[in-house]
Protein backbone atom coordinates (compact mmCIF):
# COMPACT_ATOMS: atom_id res chain seq x y z
CA MET A 1 8.55 48.57 -33.30
CA PRO A 2 5.78 47.01 -31.31
CA SER A 3 6.78 43.60 -30.12
CA GLU A 4 4.54 40.42 -30.79
CA THR A 5 3.62 40.22 -27.43
CA HIS A 6 2.12 43.74 -27.64
CA LEU A 7 0.65 43.37 -30.86
CA ALA A 8 -1.35 40.27 -29.83
CA GLN A 9 -2.51 41.92 -26.53
CA LYS A 10 -3.92 44.97 -28.61
CA LEU A 11 -5.50 42.22 -30.69
CA VAL A 12 -7.00 40.63 -27.78
CA GLN A 13 -8.48 43.91 -26.31
CA LYS A 14 -9.77 44.86 -29.80
CA SER A 15 -11.92 41.72 -29.70
CA VAL A 16 -12.66 41.81 -25.97
CA ARG A 17 -14.05 45.50 -26.83
CA LYS A 18 -15.88 44.38 -29.96
CA PHE A 19 -17.71 41.58 -28.05
CA LEU A 20 -18.70 43.85 -24.93
CA GLN A 21 -19.95 46.53 -27.60
CA THR A 22 -22.14 43.90 -29.33
CA GLU A 23 -23.35 41.57 -26.67
CA LEU A 24 -23.26 43.42 -23.54
CA LEU A 25 -23.71 47.35 -24.12
CA PRO A 26 -27.08 47.03 -25.66
CA ASN A 27 -28.95 45.98 -22.73
CA VAL A 28 -26.64 47.72 -20.03
CA ASP A 29 -29.21 50.52 -19.43
CA GLN A 30 -32.11 48.45 -19.09
CA CYS A 31 -30.41 45.80 -16.98
CA ASN A 32 -28.86 48.20 -14.56
CA GLU A 33 -32.21 50.24 -14.14
CA GLU A 34 -34.06 46.73 -13.49
CA GLY A 35 -31.19 44.68 -11.46
CA ILE A 36 -30.73 42.09 -14.25
CA PHE A 37 -27.57 39.86 -14.33
CA GLN A 38 -26.82 39.31 -17.86
CA GLU A 39 -26.29 35.35 -17.74
CA LYS A 40 -25.93 34.69 -21.29
CA ALA A 41 -23.39 37.68 -22.12
CA PHE A 42 -21.60 36.51 -18.74
CA ARG A 43 -21.16 32.87 -19.82
CA ASP A 44 -20.41 33.67 -23.37
CA PHE A 45 -17.83 35.72 -22.09
CA PHE A 46 -16.30 33.09 -20.51
CA LYS A 47 -16.99 30.59 -23.40
CA THR A 48 -15.34 33.04 -26.17
CA GLY A 49 -12.12 32.73 -23.76
CA PHE A 50 -12.06 36.20 -22.06
CA GLY A 51 -13.05 35.82 -18.78
CA ALA A 52 -10.39 33.54 -17.21
CA SER A 53 -7.83 33.66 -19.69
CA PHE A 54 -4.90 34.54 -17.10
CA MET A 55 -5.36 30.73 -16.36
CA PRO A 56 -2.73 28.42 -17.54
CA GLU A 57 -3.16 26.57 -20.60
CA GLU A 58 -4.14 23.34 -19.02
CA TRP A 59 -7.26 24.58 -17.44
CA GLY A 60 -8.29 26.40 -20.82
CA GLY A 61 -6.94 29.48 -20.47
CA ASP A 62 -4.02 31.27 -22.23
CA GLY A 63 -1.69 32.43 -19.33
CA ASP A 64 -1.41 35.85 -20.49
CA LEU A 65 -1.96 37.74 -17.24
CA LEU A 66 -1.30 41.15 -18.90
CA SER A 67 -3.71 40.45 -21.58
CA TYR A 68 -6.36 39.54 -18.64
CA LEU A 69 -5.66 43.09 -16.97
CA ASP A 70 -6.29 44.87 -20.52
CA ILE A 71 -9.43 42.83 -20.48
CA ALA A 72 -10.35 44.11 -17.00
CA THR A 73 -10.03 47.45 -18.15
CA GLU A 74 -12.52 47.12 -21.01
CA MET A 75 -14.86 45.49 -18.82
CA GLY A 76 -14.75 48.76 -16.82
CA ARG A 77 -15.60 50.97 -19.86
CA VAL A 78 -19.23 49.35 -20.16
CA ASP A 79 -20.49 47.92 -17.16
CA LEU A 80 -18.76 47.59 -13.58
CA GLY A 81 -21.35 45.09 -12.43
CA PHE A 82 -20.66 42.94 -15.20
CA ALA A 83 -16.81 43.20 -14.32
CA LEU A 84 -17.46 42.79 -10.45
CA SER A 85 -19.11 39.40 -11.25
CA VAL A 86 -16.49 38.01 -13.83
CA MET A 87 -13.89 38.86 -11.39
CA ALA A 88 -15.60 37.07 -8.66
CA SER A 89 -16.04 34.03 -10.45
CA ALA A 90 -12.45 34.01 -12.37
CA VAL A 91 -10.38 35.75 -9.85
CA LEU A 92 -11.82 35.19 -6.20
CA PHE A 93 -12.85 31.84 -6.64
CA GLY A 94 -10.88 30.51 -9.67
CA ASN A 95 -7.53 31.72 -8.90
CA ASN A 96 -7.86 30.53 -5.05
CA VAL A 97 -8.44 27.36 -6.39
CA LEU A 98 -5.18 27.73 -8.63
CA LEU A 99 -3.22 28.83 -5.95
CA HIS A 100 -4.02 26.80 -3.15
CA GLY A 101 -6.10 23.81 -4.50
CA THR A 102 -5.11 19.92 -4.66
CA SER A 103 -4.64 18.43 -8.11
CA GLU A 104 -8.08 16.81 -7.75
CA GLN A 105 -9.64 20.18 -6.75
CA LYS A 106 -8.02 21.76 -9.82
CA ARG A 107 -9.29 19.19 -12.03
CA LYS A 108 -12.95 19.27 -10.48
CA TYR A 109 -13.73 22.96 -10.35
CA LEU A 110 -11.37 24.90 -12.86
CA PRO A 111 -12.39 23.55 -16.29
CA GLY A 112 -16.15 24.70 -15.69
CA ILE A 113 -15.12 28.12 -14.43
CA VAL A 114 -12.79 29.04 -17.16
CA ASP A 115 -15.75 27.86 -19.47
CA GLY A 116 -18.38 29.69 -18.17
CA SER A 117 -20.32 26.47 -17.66
CA LYS A 118 -20.22 27.31 -13.84
CA ILE A 119 -20.32 30.20 -11.71
CA GLY A 120 -17.93 30.65 -8.35
CA CYS A 121 -18.14 32.88 -5.41
CA TRP A 122 -15.78 33.67 -2.55
CA ALA A 123 -17.48 34.30 1.04
CA LEU A 124 -15.44 36.14 3.79
CA THR A 125 -18.08 39.23 4.91
CA GLU A 126 -20.42 38.28 7.46
CA PRO A 127 -23.47 40.08 9.10
CA SER A 128 -21.06 41.05 12.21
CA GLY A 129 -18.51 42.57 10.03
CA GLY A 130 -16.34 42.68 6.98
CA SER A 131 -12.86 44.64 7.38
CA ASP A 132 -12.24 42.24 10.30
CA ALA A 133 -11.25 39.09 8.29
CA VAL A 134 -9.61 37.32 11.18
CA GLY A 135 -12.88 38.12 13.44
CA ILE A 136 -15.19 36.10 11.54
CA LYS A 137 -17.96 33.76 13.22
CA ALA A 138 -18.56 31.28 10.86
CA THR A 139 -17.17 28.00 12.70
CA ALA A 140 -15.79 24.65 11.22
CA GLU A 141 -15.79 21.70 13.59
CA ARG A 142 -13.87 18.67 12.55
CA LYS A 143 -16.11 15.30 12.90
CA GLY A 144 -14.34 12.28 11.78
CA ASP A 145 -13.66 12.25 8.21
CA HIS A 146 -15.67 15.82 7.40
CA TYR A 147 -16.18 19.12 8.89
CA LEU A 148 -19.42 20.60 10.21
CA ILE A 149 -19.90 24.10 9.01
CA ASN A 150 -22.51 26.84 10.61
CA GLY A 151 -22.62 30.31 10.14
CA ALA A 152 -23.89 32.97 7.77
CA LYS A 153 -22.31 35.46 4.99
CA THR A 154 -23.51 38.41 3.46
CA PHE A 155 -22.57 41.15 0.64
CA ILE A 156 -21.15 37.95 -1.34
CA THR A 157 -20.88 38.84 -4.98
CA ASN A 158 -22.57 35.97 -7.28
CA ALA A 159 -24.06 34.07 -4.20
CA PRO A 160 -27.52 33.98 -5.65
CA VAL A 161 -26.24 32.20 -9.18
CA ALA A 162 -23.29 30.40 -7.72
CA ASP A 163 -22.46 27.02 -8.20
CA TYR A 164 -19.61 26.94 -6.37
CA PHE A 165 -18.61 28.45 -3.14
CA ILE A 166 -15.28 29.12 -1.44
CA VAL A 167 -16.42 29.70 2.36
CA LEU A 168 -13.83 30.82 5.19
CA ALA A 169 -14.76 29.75 8.76
CA ARG A 170 -12.49 29.26 11.83
CA LEU A 171 -11.82 26.28 13.21
CA LYS A 172 -13.84 25.76 16.70
CA GLY A 173 -11.44 26.16 19.75
CA THR A 174 -9.21 28.84 17.72
CA GLU A 175 -11.50 31.92 18.32
CA ASN A 176 -8.37 33.70 20.33
CA LYS A 177 -5.74 32.71 18.18
CA GLY A 178 -5.78 35.66 15.76
CA ILE A 179 -4.52 34.80 12.37
CA ALA A 180 -4.05 30.93 12.95
CA GLY A 181 -7.22 28.76 12.71
CA GLY A 182 -8.67 29.73 9.28
CA CYS A 183 -10.21 27.51 6.96
CA ALA A 184 -11.51 27.83 3.68
CA PHE A 185 -13.72 25.41 2.09
CA ILE A 186 -14.95 24.31 -1.49
CA LEU A 187 -18.90 23.95 -1.10
CA GLU A 188 -21.19 23.47 -3.98
CA LYS A 189 -24.69 24.56 -4.51
CA GLY A 190 -27.52 21.63 -3.46
CA MET A 191 -25.62 20.73 -0.15
CA LYS A 192 -27.76 20.02 2.44
CA GLY A 193 -27.51 23.09 4.87
CA LEU A 194 -26.28 25.22 2.29
CA SER A 195 -28.67 27.92 1.13
CA THR A 196 -28.78 31.67 -0.31
CA GLY A 197 -31.16 34.47 0.00
CA LYS A 198 -32.53 36.75 -2.49
CA PRO A 199 -30.34 39.28 -4.56
CA LEU A 200 -29.99 42.14 -2.36
CA LYS A 201 -30.90 45.81 -3.57
CA LYS A 202 -27.73 47.99 -3.53
CA MET A 203 -26.98 51.48 -4.61
CA GLY A 204 -24.56 50.72 -7.74
CA HIS A 205 -23.28 47.71 -9.47
CA LYS A 206 -26.77 46.29 -9.86
CA THR A 207 -26.22 43.96 -12.76
CA SER A 208 -24.21 42.14 -10.23
CA PRO A 209 -26.01 39.47 -7.94
CA THR A 210 -25.05 40.14 -4.45
CA GLY A 211 -26.53 37.80 -1.81
CA GLU A 212 -26.53 36.00 1.72
CA ILE A 213 -25.06 32.49 2.23
CA PHE A 214 -26.61 30.69 5.55
CA LEU A 215 -24.72 27.60 6.47
CA GLU A 216 -26.33 25.11 8.67
CA ASN A 217 -24.74 21.79 9.76
CA VAL A 218 -23.01 21.66 6.25
CA GLU A 219 -21.14 18.50 6.11
CA ALA A 220 -18.08 19.37 4.00
CA PRO A 221 -15.79 16.28 3.41
CA GLU A 222 -12.04 16.48 4.19
CA SER A 223 -11.39 16.72 0.36
CA SER A 224 -13.66 20.22 0.28
CA LEU A 225 -10.60 21.67 2.20
CA LEU A 226 -8.92 24.30 0.34
CA GLY A 227 -5.12 24.50 1.13
CA ALA A 228 -3.92 23.66 4.67
CA GLU A 229 -6.01 23.31 7.63
CA GLY A 230 -5.65 26.56 9.72
CA GLN A 231 -3.87 28.41 6.86
CA ALA A 232 -6.52 30.30 5.26
CA PHE A 233 -6.12 33.76 6.47
CA GLN A 234 -2.63 33.37 5.50
CA ASP A 235 -3.49 32.22 1.87
CA MET A 236 -5.96 34.97 1.65
CA LYS A 237 -3.45 37.87 1.89
CA ARG A 238 -1.72 36.27 -1.34
CA SER A 239 -4.75 36.09 -3.20
CA LEU A 240 -6.17 39.66 -2.41
CA ASP A 241 -2.95 41.00 -4.23
CA LEU A 242 -4.24 39.83 -7.62
CA GLU A 243 -7.83 40.94 -6.66
CA ARG A 244 -6.98 44.48 -6.09
CA ALA A 245 -4.57 44.83 -9.00
CA THR A 246 -7.91 43.26 -11.55
CA PHE A 247 -10.12 46.00 -9.46
CA SER A 248 -7.95 48.90 -9.96
CA GLN A 249 -7.55 47.87 -13.70
CA ILE A 250 -11.56 47.74 -14.01
CA GLY A 251 -11.13 51.21 -12.25
CA PHE A 252 -8.85 52.30 -15.40
CA GLY A 253 -11.79 51.66 -17.80
CA LEU A 254 -13.99 53.50 -15.70
CA ILE A 255 -11.92 56.47 -15.55
CA ASP A 256 -10.91 56.52 -19.04
CA GLU A 257 -14.59 56.52 -19.99
CA LEU A 258 -15.58 59.07 -17.62
CA LEU A 259 -12.92 61.29 -19.11
CA SER A 260 -13.92 60.74 -22.74
CA ILE A 261 -17.43 61.81 -21.74
CA MET A 262 -16.39 64.97 -20.17
CA VAL A 263 -14.08 66.09 -22.83
CA LYS A 264 -16.67 65.48 -25.70
CA TYR A 265 -19.77 66.94 -23.95
CA ALA A 266 -17.65 70.08 -23.08
CA ALA A 267 -16.68 70.16 -26.54
CA SER A 268 -20.12 70.07 -27.78
CA ARG A 269 -22.12 71.89 -25.40
CA LYS A 270 -22.28 75.79 -25.83
CA SER A 271 -22.62 78.29 -23.26
CA PHE A 272 -22.70 82.37 -23.91
CA GLY A 273 -21.79 81.29 -27.35
CA ARG A 274 -18.60 79.46 -26.77
CA ALA A 275 -17.89 75.81 -26.10
CA ILE A 276 -17.79 75.26 -22.21
CA LEU A 277 -14.24 73.40 -22.93
CA GLU A 278 -12.99 77.01 -23.52
CA TYR A 279 -13.77 77.83 -20.03
CA GLN A 280 -10.61 77.46 -17.41
CA LEU A 281 -12.85 76.27 -14.57
CA ILE A 282 -13.85 73.47 -17.01
CA GLN A 283 -10.07 72.94 -18.12
CA GLU A 284 -9.31 72.72 -14.44
CA LYS A 285 -11.49 69.78 -13.83
CA ILE A 286 -10.48 67.91 -16.77
CA ALA A 287 -6.86 68.76 -16.37
CA ARG A 288 -6.59 67.61 -12.52
CA ILE A 289 -8.23 64.05 -13.17
CA GLY A 290 -6.60 63.79 -16.58
CA ALA A 291 -3.00 64.41 -14.59
CA GLU A 292 -3.64 62.05 -11.54
CA PHE A 293 -4.78 59.49 -14.18
CA GLU A 294 -1.75 59.63 -16.01
CA VAL A 295 0.28 59.32 -12.88
CA LEU A 296 -1.93 56.04 -11.77
CA LYS A 297 -1.04 54.78 -15.09
CA ALA A 298 2.53 55.14 -14.89
CA TYR A 299 2.48 53.63 -11.59
CA GLY A 300 0.24 50.78 -12.88
CA ILE A 301 2.89 49.75 -15.29
CA GLN A 302 5.40 48.95 -12.41
CA LEU A 303 2.75 46.73 -10.56
CA ARG A 304 1.62 44.85 -13.88
CA GLU A 305 5.62 44.35 -14.40
CA LYS A 306 6.07 42.91 -10.48
CA LEU A 307 2.77 40.75 -10.69
CA VAL A 308 3.77 39.15 -14.07
CA ARG A 309 7.33 38.36 -12.71
CA GLY A 310 5.30 36.69 -9.69
CA GLU A 311 6.81 39.16 -7.12
CA LYS A 312 5.11 40.28 -3.88
CA ILE A 313 3.01 43.50 -4.73
CA THR A 314 0.70 43.95 -1.57
CA LYS A 315 2.13 47.29 -0.92
CA GLU A 316 1.76 48.25 -4.70
CA ALA A 317 -1.85 46.92 -5.11
CA ALA A 318 -2.88 48.36 -1.76
CA ILE A 319 -1.34 52.00 -2.83
CA MET A 320 -3.15 51.72 -6.18
CA LYS A 321 -6.46 50.35 -4.89
CA LEU A 322 -6.47 53.49 -2.48
CA LEU A 323 -5.55 55.97 -4.99
CA LEU A 324 -7.69 54.80 -7.82
CA SER A 325 -10.66 54.76 -5.75
CA LYS A 326 -10.56 57.88 -4.68
CA LEU A 327 -9.87 59.58 -8.33
CA SER A 328 -13.00 57.05 -9.51
CA VAL A 329 -15.43 58.84 -7.11
CA ARG A 330 -13.95 62.27 -8.05
CA ALA A 331 -14.08 61.74 -11.71
CA ALA A 332 -17.60 60.68 -11.49
CA ASP A 333 -18.59 63.45 -9.57
CA GLU A 334 -16.96 66.06 -11.57
CA ALA A 335 -18.28 64.45 -14.75
CA ILE A 336 -21.79 64.62 -13.38
CA GLN A 337 -21.08 68.68 -12.53
CA ILE A 338 -19.74 69.52 -16.16
CA LEU A 339 -22.39 67.56 -17.85
CA GLY A 340 -24.66 69.71 -15.03
CA GLY A 341 -28.72 68.64 -15.45
CA TYR A 342 -27.68 66.08 -18.16
CA GLY A 343 -25.25 64.54 -15.71
CA TYR A 344 -27.80 63.93 -13.24
CA MET A 345 -30.01 61.90 -15.73
CA THR A 346 -29.44 58.31 -17.03
CA GLU A 347 -28.98 59.46 -20.78
CA TYR A 348 -24.84 59.78 -20.31
CA ARG A 349 -24.43 57.21 -17.49
CA VAL A 350 -22.22 59.05 -15.68
CA GLU A 351 -24.78 59.10 -12.44
CA ARG A 352 -24.55 55.20 -12.85
CA PHE A 353 -20.94 55.31 -13.00
CA TYR A 354 -20.79 57.78 -9.70
CA ARG A 355 -22.89 54.88 -7.99
CA ASP A 356 -20.75 52.49 -9.12
CA ALA A 357 -17.57 53.99 -8.47
CA LYS A 358 -18.32 54.38 -4.94
CA LEU A 359 -18.08 50.54 -4.29
CA TYR A 360 -14.07 50.95 -4.95
CA GLU A 361 -13.80 52.56 -1.57
CA ILE A 362 -15.53 49.48 0.16
CA GLY A 363 -15.11 46.34 -1.71
CA GLY A 364 -12.07 44.39 -1.68
CA GLY A 365 -10.99 46.22 1.40
CA THR A 366 -12.19 49.47 2.55
CA SER A 367 -9.80 52.50 1.76
CA GLU A 368 -9.08 52.66 5.77
CA ILE A 369 -8.00 48.79 5.10
CA GLN A 370 -5.63 50.11 2.25
CA LYS A 371 -3.91 52.87 4.52
CA LEU A 372 -3.23 50.05 7.27
CA VAL A 373 -1.78 47.62 4.69
CA ILE A 374 0.38 50.45 3.19
CA ALA A 375 1.35 51.50 6.60
CA LYS A 376 2.49 48.27 7.77
CA GLU A 377 4.48 47.34 4.66
CA ILE A 378 6.06 50.69 4.59
CA ALA A 379 7.24 49.85 8.25
CA LYS A 380 8.69 46.56 7.45
CA GLU A 381 10.66 48.42 4.76
CA TYR A 382 12.21 50.97 7.05
CA LEU A 383 12.74 48.71 10.38
CA ALA A 384 14.19 45.76 8.45
């Protein structure tokens, strides 16, 4: 018999699917074509309680992390751009405040993020580089009771629409100290010296606004420092685990939707008097994607259990993101191949999914970075 927890999760999943099909899906194609952020649907998604449901009850969530991962999967079936913006506000901004913020910071920022009245973002990547996190050029200089922040960020999800920003900078004088010297600051829209650029034009995830942030002598009070001074890079490692786990759950929804499209199209499309699903070359494509997907879902159960128990999942999250990213791109590619000319058109959405899937090999740490993380974690285990 299913447990009460399992039944509750299924109910949440059903409610989320209904919301997305009713409030988001009808405009998804047009919004992707025109690069429109569905702000009303975004705010309603949070207002309904789905956007940041993993948050503890005291901040407006229900504290159910497993259900939130299922919510991420449902978003992945419909629009990856929408899912990315939701994750950036709830997980990249909200979860970092939850993990590293003071009581005052949590009271000030979390309620607005959880109910969708405010939008958050997290800014690390710079024009000079992204994968080398500790090599950032943005600087923070202590000036009495405040910090003076200068620099620029780019490719920041939600930057053009954000109310709140977590910005990472390096303390002046720590340029050669590696992982030491990093600081994270919570900044707000309208602060003097803080500005954002227009939404950048992208290959995919077009419904998620991405932009630049410019910091020119921004005066950040001591109270805006998130976590301990000089510890931001260490804190970032802990925060990335949930980001990568959530990112992967969105990918589960994407692959599941792609398999559904492939199978249903192949069953109805006839060639030489037979449904193309009967041809072994088509079956081979579906079988390979399906088999690898089942393996990843099984591995995902282990990852989810460790995450809920509060255990370290750095290696597992990196493995999942690496393998799921590759499978997402390949599944979208095979879907286009099976659908042929129709796959190249916008009608069946697979060309959009193909463009969206590519970001999975880049965002949240490239596939190359995931390999480095995995190698380091494995080396620790065998050299311990």
